[in-house]
C-alpha atoms as a PDB file:
ATOM      1  CA  UNK A   1     -70.891-128.416 -30.288  1.00  0.00           C
ATOM      2  CA  UNK A   2     -70.391-132.288 -29.827  1.00  0.00           C
ATOM      3  CA  UNK A   3     -71.322-132.208 -34.042  1.00  0.00           C
ATOM      4  CA  UNK A   4     -68.961-129.391 -34.794  1.00  0.00           C
ATOM      5  CA  UNK A   5     -65.928-131.576 -32.916  1.00  0.00           C
ATOM      6  CA  UNK A   6     -66.880-134.682 -34.629  1.00  0.00           C
ATOM      7  CA  UNK A   7     -67.140-132.659 -38.066  1.00  0.00           C
ATOM      8  CA  UNK A   8     -63.901-131.213 -37.399  1.00  0.00           C
ATOM      9  CA  UNK A   9     -62.378-134.407 -36.699  1.00  0.00           C
ATOM     10  CA  UNK A  10     -63.681-136.542 -39.578  1.00  0.00           C
ATOM     11  CA  UNK A  11     -62.566-133.494 -41.716  1.00  0.00           C
ATOM     12  CA  UNK A  12     -58.933-133.572 -40.399  1.00  0.00           C
ATOM     13  CA  UNK A  13     -58.775-137.189 -40.981  1.00  0.00           C
ATOM     14  CA  UNK A  14     -60.040-137.108 -44.445  1.00  0.00           C
ATOM     15  CA  UNK A  15     -57.418-134.392 -45.093  1.00  0.00           C
ATOM     16  CA  UNK A  16     -54.942-136.226 -43.685  1.00  0.00           C
ATOM     17  CA  UNK A  17     -55.683-139.251 -45.870  1.00  0.00           C
ATOM     18  CA  UNK A  18     -55.999-137.273 -48.757  1.00  0.00           C
ATOM     19  CA  UNK A  19     -52.180-135.703 -48.230  1.00  0.00           C
ATOM     20  CA  UNK A  20     -50.937-139.295 -47.670  1.00  0.00           C
ATOM     21  CA  UNK A  21     -52.610-140.762 -50.815  1.00  0.00           C
ATOM     22  CA  UNK A  22     -50.977-137.020 -52.634  1.00  0.00           C
ATOM     23  CA  UNK A  23     -47.346-138.473 -51.069  1.00  0.00           C
ATOM     24  CA  UNK A  24     -47.373-141.994 -52.607  1.00  0.00           C
ATOM     25  CA  UNK A  25     -48.392-140.703 -55.848  1.00  0.00           C
ATOM     26  CA  UNK A  26     -45.872-138.273 -56.161  1.00  0.00           C
ATOM     27  CA  UNK A  27     -43.353-140.864 -55.101  1.00  0.00           C
ATOM     28  CA  UNK A  28     -45.020-143.692 -57.754  1.00  0.00           C
ATOM     29  CA  UNK A  29     -44.964-141.057 -60.725  1.00  0.00           C
ATOM     30  CA  UNK A  30     -40.503-139.903 -59.284  1.00  0.00           C
ATOM     31  CA  UNK A  31     -39.958-143.565 -59.581  1.00  0.00           C
ATOM     32  CA  UNK A  32     -41.645-143.911 -63.380  1.00  0.00           C
ATOM     33  CA  UNK A  33     -39.729-140.525 -64.252  1.00  0.00           C
ATOM     34  CA  UNK A  34     -36.539-141.958 -62.807  1.00  0.00           C
ATOM     35  CA  UNK A  35     -36.857-145.341 -64.778  1.00  0.00           C
ATOM     36  CA  UNK A  36     -37.780-143.542 -67.804  1.00  0.00           C
ATOM     37  CA  UNK A  37     -34.614-141.445 -67.354  1.00  0.00           C
ATOM     38  CA  UNK A  38     -31.942-144.154 -66.897  1.00  0.00           C
ATOM     39  CA  UNK A  39     -33.729-146.326 -70.061  1.00  0.00           C
ATOM     40  CA  UNK A  40     -33.347-143.204 -72.015  1.00  0.00           C
ATOM     41  CA  UNK A  41     -29.509-143.052 -71.054  1.00  0.00           C
ATOM     42  CA  UNK A  42     -28.722-146.644 -71.559  1.00  0.00           C
ATOM     43  CA  UNK A  43     -28.034-147.052 -67.914  1.00  0.00           C
ATOM     44  CA  UNK A  44     -29.019-150.781 -67.207  1.00  0.00           C
ATOM     45  CA  UNK A  45     -27.307-150.494 -63.701  1.00  0.00           C
ATOM     46  CA  UNK A  46     -29.080-147.609 -62.657  1.00  0.00           C
ATOM     47  CA  UNK A  47     -32.793-148.829 -64.376  1.00  0.00           C
ATOM     48  CA  UNK A  48     -32.570-152.242 -61.950  1.00  0.00           C
ATOM     49  CA  UNK A  49     -32.420-149.889 -59.093  1.00  0.00           C
ATOM     50  CA  UNK A  50     -36.139-149.638 -60.146  1.00  0.00           C
ATOM     51  CA  UNK A  51     -37.273-152.862 -61.274  1.00  0.00           C
ATOM     52  CA  UNK A  52     -38.778-155.445 -58.608  1.00  0.00           C
ATOM     53  CA  UNK A  53     -36.706-158.912 -59.425  1.00  0.00           C
ATOM     54  CA  UNK A  54     -40.346-160.146 -61.222  1.00  0.00           C
ATOM     55  CA  UNK A  55     -40.466-157.470 -63.650  1.00  0.00           C
ATOM     56  CA  UNK A  56     -41.499-158.145 -67.237  1.00  0.00           C
ATOM     57  CA  UNK A  57     -43.134-156.535 -69.867  1.00  0.00           C
ATOM     58  CA  UNK A  58     -45.925-157.824 -71.878  1.00  0.00           C
ATOM     59  CA  UNK A  59     -46.578-157.200 -75.556  1.00  0.00           C
ATOM     60  CA  UNK A  60     -49.315-157.615 -76.961  1.00  0.00           C
ATOM     61  CA  UNK A  61     -49.282-157.989 -80.443  1.00  0.00           C
ATOM     62  CA  UNK A  62     -46.678-155.073 -80.916  1.00  0.00           C
ATOM     63  CA  UNK A  63     -44.136-154.693 -83.955  1.00  0.00           C
ATOM     64  CA  UNK A  64     -46.069-157.097 -86.452  1.00  0.00           C
ATOM     65  CA  UNK A  65     -46.380-160.036 -84.021  1.00  0.00           C
ATOM     66  CA  UNK A  66     -49.907-161.569 -83.897  1.00  0.00           C
ATOM     67  CA  UNK A  67     -49.153-163.091 -80.326  1.00  0.00           C
ATOM     68  CA  UNK A  68     -48.547-161.680 -76.651  1.00  0.00           C
ATOM     69  CA  UNK A  69     -44.931-162.161 -76.249  1.00  0.00           C
ATOM     70  CA  UNK A  70     -43.169-161.761 -72.444  1.00  0.00           C
ATOM     71  CA  UNK A  71     -40.004-160.140 -71.897  1.00  0.00           C
ATOM     72  CA  UNK A  72     -38.355-160.753 -68.388  1.00  0.00           C
ATOM     73  CA  UNK A  73     -36.238-158.435 -66.413  1.00  0.00           C
ATOM     74  CA  UNK A  74     -32.753-159.627 -67.610  1.00  0.00           C
ATOM     75  CA  UNK A  75     -33.376-159.638 -71.301  1.00  0.00           C
ATOM     76  CA  UNK A  76     -34.816-155.890 -71.204  1.00  0.00           C
ATOM     77  CA  UNK A  77     -31.897-155.041 -69.489  1.00  0.00           C
ATOM     78  CA  UNK A  78     -29.491-156.759 -71.861  1.00  0.00           C
ATOM     79  CA  UNK A  79     -31.453-154.971 -74.656  1.00  0.00           C
ATOM     80  CA  UNK A  80     -31.049-151.460 -72.781  1.00  0.00           C
ATOM     81  CA  UNK A  81     -27.378-152.566 -71.907  1.00  0.00           C
ATOM     82  CA  UNK A  82     -26.214-153.140 -76.353  1.00  0.00           C
ATOM     83  CA  UNK A  83     -28.811-149.850 -76.690  1.00  0.00           C
ATOM     84  CA  UNK A  84     -31.269-152.197 -78.494  1.00  0.00           C
ATOM     85  CA  UNK A  85     -33.457-150.370 -76.818  1.00  0.00           C
ATOM     86  CA  UNK A  86     -33.770-146.746 -74.937  1.00  0.00           C
ATOM     87  CA  UNK A  87     -31.292-143.870 -76.185  1.00  0.00           C
ATOM     88  CA  UNK A  88     -33.891-141.788 -76.940  1.00  0.00           C
ATOM     89  CA  UNK A  89     -34.918-138.426 -75.030  1.00  0.00           C
ATOM     90  CA  UNK A  90     -38.531-139.212 -73.733  1.00  0.00           C
ATOM     91  CA  UNK A  91     -41.664-136.747 -72.526  1.00  0.00           C
ATOM     92  CA  UNK A  92     -43.815-138.393 -70.043  1.00  0.00           C
ATOM     93  CA  UNK A  93     -47.721-137.680 -69.922  1.00  0.00           C
ATOM     94  CA  UNK A  94     -49.255-139.515 -66.717  1.00  0.00           C
ATOM     95  CA  UNK A  95     -52.601-140.280 -67.393  1.00  0.00           C
ATOM     96  CA  UNK A  96     -54.141-141.791 -64.317  1.00  0.00           C
ATOM     97  CA  UNK A  97     -52.023-142.893 -60.853  1.00  0.00           C
ATOM     98  CA  UNK A  98     -54.172-145.337 -58.914  1.00  0.00           C
ATOM     99  CA  UNK A  99     -52.767-146.078 -55.563  1.00  0.00           C
ATOM    100  CA  UNK A 100     -54.234-149.587 -53.801  1.00  0.00           C
ATOM    101  CA  UNK A 101     -52.325-150.078 -50.356  1.00  0.00           C
ATOM    102  CA  UNK A 102     -48.939-151.207 -51.487  1.00  0.00           C
ATOM    103  CA  UNK A 103     -49.574-151.573 -55.118  1.00  0.00           C
ATOM    104  CA  UNK A 104     -50.395-149.114 -57.795  1.00  0.00           C
ATOM    105  CA  UNK A 105     -50.946-148.871 -61.660  1.00  0.00           C
ATOM    106  CA  UNK A 106     -49.789-145.537 -63.649  1.00  0.00           C
ATOM    107  CA  UNK A 107     -51.141-145.149 -67.127  1.00  0.00           C
ATOM    108  CA  UNK A 108     -48.633-143.038 -68.907  1.00  0.00           C
ATOM    109  CA  UNK A 109     -47.859-141.440 -71.984  1.00  0.00           C
ATOM    110  CA  UNK A 110     -43.853-141.667 -73.450  1.00  0.00           C
ATOM    111  CA  UNK A 111     -43.274-139.303 -76.115  1.00  0.00           C
ATOM    112  CA  UNK A 112     -39.927-139.935 -78.221  1.00  0.00           C
ATOM    113  CA  UNK A 113     -38.201-139.040 -81.024  1.00  0.00           C
ATOM    114  CA  UNK A 114     -37.435-142.847 -81.766  1.00  0.00           C
ATOM    115  CA  UNK A 115     -41.525-143.836 -80.482  1.00  0.00           C
ATOM    116  CA  UNK A 116     -43.862-142.901 -78.714  1.00  0.00           C
ATOM    117  CA  UNK A 117     -46.595-145.422 -76.917  1.00  0.00           C
ATOM    118  CA  UNK A 118     -48.900-145.441 -73.836  1.00  0.00           C
ATOM    119  CA  UNK A 119     -47.951-147.756 -71.147  1.00  0.00           C
ATOM    120  CA  UNK A 120     -49.766-149.243 -67.951  1.00  0.00           C
ATOM    121  CA  UNK A 121     -47.444-149.998 -65.490  1.00  0.00           C
ATOM    122  CA  UNK A 122     -47.807-151.896 -61.893  1.00  0.00           C
ATOM    123  CA  UNK A 123     -45.806-151.339 -58.718  1.00  0.00           C
ATOM    124  CA  UNK A 124     -45.279-152.676 -56.112  1.00  0.00           C
ATOM    125  CA  UNK A 125     -43.433-151.245 -52.779  1.00  0.00           C
ATOM    126  CA  UNK A 126     -41.329-153.057 -51.095  1.00  0.00           C
ATOM    127  CA  UNK A 127     -40.235-153.007 -47.278  1.00  0.00           C
ATOM    128  CA  UNK A 128     -38.054-150.299 -46.955  1.00  0.00           C
ATOM    129  CA  UNK A 129     -40.695-148.292 -49.073  1.00  0.00           C
ATOM    130  CA  UNK A 130     -39.848-147.835 -52.532  1.00  0.00           C
ATOM    131  CA  UNK A 131     -41.824-148.812 -55.452  1.00  0.00           C
ATOM    132  CA  UNK A 132     -40.524-150.865 -58.139  1.00  0.00           C
ATOM    133  CA  UNK A 133     -41.862-151.628 -61.040  1.00  0.00           C
ATOM    134  CA  UNK A 134     -43.214-154.808 -61.400  1.00  0.00           C
ATOM    135  CA  UNK A 135     -44.584-154.873 -65.220  1.00  0.00           C
ATOM    136  CA  UNK A 136     -45.438-152.818 -67.868  1.00  0.00           C
ATOM    137  CA  UNK A 137     -47.807-153.263 -70.880  1.00  0.00           C
ATOM    138  CA  UNK A 138     -46.984-150.902 -74.050  1.00  0.00           C
ATOM    139  CA  UNK A 139     -49.227-149.772 -76.552  1.00  0.00           C
ATOM    140  CA  UNK A 140     -47.286-148.110 -79.925  1.00  0.00           C
ATOM    141  CA  UNK A 141     -49.173-145.085 -80.111  1.00  0.00           C
END
């Protein structure tokens, strides 16, 4: 009898852990989706809500460059405001989401009429429980 109680307790704990993991994964997906929508709408004010203060885009040999370029948050937001970036209606496909405590990684395919790319996004969960993007590493497709 004790064996069945133990199996039941362990099963319940595993189920609860999987439910919490799923909840966090959905929260990460919601943040990334809202981030993309704000960029597509060229809404830098709204977009800022989804970016950590340390946000950076790391571009490795993109747009003909032969080096790694790092774009800080302020520059990215200005490119959204000026409509140099954004202004598309992209579809998102989540290839992978990994939650590791208060950090997460998502591999997402962004498909739009202007540009399509796969991006690895790193997110952090702040004290308020909100997920924020801390960096992005895009690769053109």
